[in-house]
Amino acid sequence: MIIPAILENSIDEIQKKINLVSGLVDRIQIDIYDGIFGNEITSEPGDLLELDLAELSLDIHLMTVDPIVFLADCLELKEKVQNLRIIGQIERMSNQEDFISQAHSVGCSAGLALDVYTPATSLDKRAMAALTTGDGVLAMSVKAGYSGQYFIHRIIEKIKELTMFGNKGNLIIDGGEDPIHIKMSKLAGADQFAVGSWLWEHKDIALAIKELNKFVE
């Protein structure tokens, strides 16, 4: 699955990108930064209530200090999103299992995200056991902090490790993705791909998504 990833600090810009991919994909990802975990400061989860998401499923990727703090604001979106998955970076997460259970308690899917240099063994075994269908593990293939970076090839070994670690959800790769790196990531065991800069810089978004889908089908 190709998941367009949106990193913007303006609701208007987020909406423009949603409109570009509406009808072309099933799911999008909106990145949330607090200016502490990474360099970016984006719109907050509550601001996303202004968006027209049509019938798109939504991933919210929380790159923040203790993502659990942001869960309540994310959950307000549940009423307008048919399929909401909340993904939190584990590096400054107070409790991985609590993060998953709190998301599940209101009918949302959950995901745990690892920065590119965070080892797979940092995932809590009890939290991994709590993952259910629709949940996921996201592995960054660039250093979390800003868009437009190059794919870091050491992630390929981590993808293989995560498939052996017991990932029961979807394995999502995020960062520096293009057709070549999607092919590499898929061969290593990934099945969902959050694509940002490469997609948005393409002159023909529909053609770009069609090209990417060739490597995931």
Protein backbone atom coordinates (compact mmCIF):
# COMPACT_ATOMS: atom_id res chain seq x y z
CA MET A 1 0.00 0.00 0.00
CA ILE A 2 1.19 3.50 -0.87
CA ILE A 3 0.42 6.07 1.84
CA PRO A 4 1.03 9.72 0.88
CA ALA A 5 2.76 11.38 3.85
CA ILE A 6 1.98 15.03 4.56
CA LEU A 7 4.29 17.25 6.61
CA GLU A 8 2.93 20.81 6.69
CA ASN A 9 2.32 23.51 9.29
CA SER A 10 -0.67 24.93 7.47
CA ILE A 11 -4.13 23.35 7.38
CA ASP A 12 -4.67 24.89 3.94
CA GLU A 13 -1.54 23.19 2.59
CA ILE A 14 -2.55 19.86 4.14
CA GLN A 15 -5.97 20.15 2.50
CA LYS A 16 -4.42 20.92 -0.90
CA LYS A 17 -2.37 17.73 -0.73
CA ILE A 18 -5.35 15.68 0.42
CA ASN A 19 -7.29 16.97 -2.57
CA LEU A 20 -4.46 15.93 -4.90
CA VAL A 21 -4.58 12.28 -3.82
CA SER A 22 -8.30 11.91 -3.05
CA GLY A 23 -9.66 9.04 -5.13
CA LEU A 24 -6.15 7.77 -5.92
CA VAL A 25 -5.28 6.13 -2.59
CA ASP A 26 -7.15 4.64 0.35
CA ARG A 27 -5.06 6.09 3.19
CA ILE A 28 -2.94 9.14 3.95
CA GLN A 29 -0.52 9.96 6.75
CA ILE A 30 -0.28 13.33 8.47
CA ASP A 31 2.90 13.98 10.45
CA ILE A 32 2.68 15.85 13.74
CA TYR A 33 5.82 17.45 15.20
CA ASP A 34 6.04 19.39 18.45
CA GLY A 35 9.30 21.22 17.68
CA ILE A 36 11.08 19.25 20.42
CA PHE A 37 11.29 15.71 19.09
CA GLY A 38 12.24 17.08 15.66
CA ASN A 39 13.03 20.41 14.05
CA GLU A 40 9.58 20.91 12.56
CA ILE A 41 6.54 22.45 14.22
CA THR A 42 3.31 21.42 12.53
CA SER A 43 -0.40 21.83 13.05
CA GLU A 44 -1.68 20.08 16.18
CA PRO A 45 -4.04 17.08 16.02
CA GLY A 46 -7.02 19.21 17.04
CA ASP A 47 -6.48 21.47 14.03
CA LEU A 48 -7.08 18.51 11.71
CA LEU A 49 -10.79 18.61 12.57
CA GLU A 50 -11.07 21.38 9.98
CA LEU A 51 -10.01 19.06 7.16
CA ASP A 52 -12.25 17.45 4.58
CA LEU A 53 -10.86 13.93 4.44
CA ALA A 54 -13.56 12.60 2.11
CA GLU A 55 -13.54 8.82 2.68
CA LEU A 56 -9.81 8.47 3.20
CA SER A 57 -8.43 6.40 6.05
CA LEU A 58 -5.97 8.37 8.17
CA ASP A 59 -2.69 7.69 9.92
CA ILE A 60 -1.54 10.31 12.40
CA HIS A 61 2.21 9.95 12.98
CA LEU A 62 3.12 11.54 16.30
CA MET A 63 6.76 12.61 16.39
CA THR A 64 6.51 14.24 19.77
CA VAL A 65 7.67 14.04 23.36
CA ASP A 66 5.45 11.35 24.91
CA PRO A 67 2.86 10.74 22.18
CA ILE A 68 0.39 9.52 24.83
CA VAL A 69 -0.17 13.17 25.78
CA PHE A 70 -1.48 13.87 22.26
CA LEU A 71 -3.83 10.89 22.10
CA ALA A 72 -6.89 12.69 23.43
CA ASP A 73 -6.70 15.36 20.74
CA CYS A 74 -6.24 12.72 18.04
CA LEU A 75 -9.27 10.80 19.22
CA GLU A 76 -11.58 13.74 18.47
CA LEU A 77 -11.03 12.86 14.81
CA LYS A 78 -12.56 9.43 15.28
CA GLU A 79 -16.05 10.76 14.52
CA LYS A 80 -15.09 11.97 11.04
CA VAL A 81 -12.57 9.32 9.94
CA GLN A 82 -13.76 5.86 9.01
CA ASN A 83 -10.42 4.26 9.83
CA LEU A 84 -8.05 6.12 12.14
CA ARG A 85 -4.63 4.73 13.07
CA ILE A 86 -2.47 6.62 15.56
CA ILE A 87 1.25 5.94 15.34
CA GLY A 88 3.67 7.17 18.00
CA GLN A 89 7.45 7.32 18.07
CA ILE A 90 8.70 5.13 20.90
CA GLU A 91 11.92 7.05 21.68
CA ARG A 92 10.20 9.36 24.19
CA MET A 93 7.06 7.32 24.81
CA SER A 94 6.39 6.67 28.49
CA ASN A 95 4.67 3.30 28.00
CA GLN A 96 4.24 1.49 24.67
CA GLU A 97 1.58 -0.91 25.92
CA ASP A 98 -0.51 1.93 27.40
CA PHE A 99 -0.29 3.84 24.13
CA ILE A 100 -1.74 0.91 22.22
CA SER A 101 -4.44 0.10 24.78
CA GLN A 102 -5.62 3.73 24.99
CA ALA A 103 -5.97 3.92 21.21
CA HIS A 104 -7.80 0.59 21.12
CA SER A 105 -10.16 1.62 23.90
CA VAL A 106 -11.90 4.13 21.63
CA GLY A 107 -11.88 2.00 18.51
CA CYS A 108 -8.73 3.30 16.84
CA SER A 109 -5.89 1.29 15.41
CA ALA A 110 -2.43 1.92 16.83
CA GLY A 111 1.16 1.83 15.68
CA LEU A 112 4.63 2.02 17.18
CA ALA A 113 7.32 3.90 15.25
CA LEU A 114 11.11 3.55 15.45
CA ASP A 115 13.56 6.20 14.31
CA VAL A 116 16.16 4.99 11.83
CA TYR A 117 18.87 4.34 14.44
CA THR A 118 16.52 2.88 17.08
CA PRO A 119 17.01 -0.91 17.27
CA ALA A 120 14.12 -3.30 16.76
CA THR A 121 14.79 -4.67 20.25
CA SER A 122 13.51 -1.35 21.67
CA LEU A 123 9.98 -2.52 20.97
CA ASP A 124 8.32 -3.76 24.16
CA LYS A 125 7.33 -7.43 23.88
CA ARG A 126 4.05 -6.91 25.75
CA ALA A 127 3.18 -4.00 23.48
CA MET A 128 3.94 -6.08 20.40
CA ALA A 129 1.68 -8.82 21.74
CA ALA A 130 -1.12 -6.25 22.06
CA LEU A 131 -1.05 -5.37 18.35
CA THR A 132 -4.09 -6.54 16.41
CA THR A 133 -5.26 -6.51 12.80
CA GLY A 134 -4.99 -3.01 11.38
CA ASP A 135 -2.25 -1.95 13.79
CA GLY A 136 1.33 -1.59 12.65
CA VAL A 137 5.00 -0.97 13.22
CA LEU A 138 6.58 1.94 11.38
CA ALA A 139 10.30 2.03 10.68
CA MET A 140 11.81 5.37 9.70
CA SER A 141 14.26 5.08 6.81
CA VAL A 142 15.53 8.64 7.41
CA LYS A 143 16.30 10.51 10.63
CA ALA A 144 13.04 11.85 12.01
CA GLY A 145 13.03 15.63 11.96
CA TYR A 146 12.42 17.00 8.47
CA SER A 147 11.38 16.00 4.98
CA GLY A 148 13.42 15.62 1.80
CA GLN A 149 16.14 13.34 3.19
CA TYR A 150 17.80 10.43 1.42
CA PHE A 151 16.91 6.82 2.19
CA ILE A 152 19.35 5.23 4.67
CA HIS A 153 20.12 1.74 3.42
CA ARG A 154 20.85 0.21 6.82
CA ILE A 155 17.07 0.11 7.32
CA ILE A 156 16.90 -2.94 5.05
CA GLU A 157 18.47 -5.14 7.73
CA LYS A 158 16.09 -3.71 10.32
CA ILE A 159 13.10 -4.54 8.12
CA LYS A 160 14.27 -8.15 8.00
CA GLU A 161 14.77 -8.12 11.75
CA LEU A 162 11.30 -6.69 12.37
CA THR A 163 9.66 -9.41 10.28
CA MET A 164 11.42 -11.99 12.44
CA PHE A 165 10.71 -10.06 15.65
CA GLY A 166 7.06 -10.95 15.44
CA ASN A 167 5.39 -7.95 13.82
CA LYS A 168 1.71 -8.96 13.77
CA GLY A 169 0.51 -5.74 12.19
CA ASN A 170 1.54 -3.96 9.04
CA LEU A 171 5.18 -3.06 8.54
CA ILE A 172 5.34 0.52 7.31
CA ILE A 173 8.48 2.19 5.93
CA ASP A 174 8.64 5.97 6.05
CA GLY A 175 11.25 8.32 4.60
CA GLY A 176 13.17 8.81 1.37
CA GLU A 177 10.90 6.40 -0.46
CA ASP A 178 10.94 6.25 -4.26
CA PRO A 179 10.30 3.35 -6.68
CA ILE A 180 13.76 1.82 -6.20
CA HIS A 181 13.69 1.94 -2.41
CA ILE A 182 10.10 0.72 -2.23
CA LYS A 183 11.14 -2.31 -4.25
CA MET A 184 14.07 -2.93 -1.88
CA SER A 185 11.90 -2.46 1.22
CA LYS A 186 9.19 -4.77 -0.08
CA LEU A 187 11.68 -7.51 -0.87
CA ALA A 188 12.98 -7.21 2.71
CA GLY A 189 9.48 -7.71 4.15
CA ALA A 190 7.68 -4.35 4.29
CA ASP A 191 4.16 -3.98 2.91
CA GLN A 192 3.16 -0.32 3.43
CA PHE A 193 5.12 2.72 2.30
CA ALA A 194 4.69 6.32 3.47
CA VAL A 195 5.88 8.51 0.60
CA GLY A 196 6.43 12.24 0.93
CA SER A 197 8.81 14.42 -1.06
CA TRP A 198 9.20 12.13 -4.07
CA LEU A 199 5.43 12.10 -4.57
CA TRP A 200 4.73 15.80 -3.96
CA GLU A 201 7.54 16.92 -6.25
CA HIS A 202 6.17 14.86 -9.14
CA LYS A 203 4.44 16.85 -11.90
CA ASP A 204 1.67 14.27 -12.27
CA ILE A 205 0.51 12.88 -8.91
CA ALA A 206 -1.80 10.28 -10.44
CA LEU A 207 1.00 8.97 -12.67
CA ALA A 208 3.41 8.93 -9.72
CA ILE A 209 1.06 6.83 -7.60
CA LYS A 210 0.47 4.48 -10.52
CA GLU A 211 4.25 4.08 -10.90
CA LEU A 212 4.73 3.38 -7.18
CA ASN A 213 1.91 0.84 -7.12
CA LYS A 214 3.77 -1.27 -9.68
CA PHE A 215 6.27 -2.12 -6.96
CA VAL A 216 3.80 -3.04 -4.22
CA GLU A 217 1.22 -5.12 -6.07
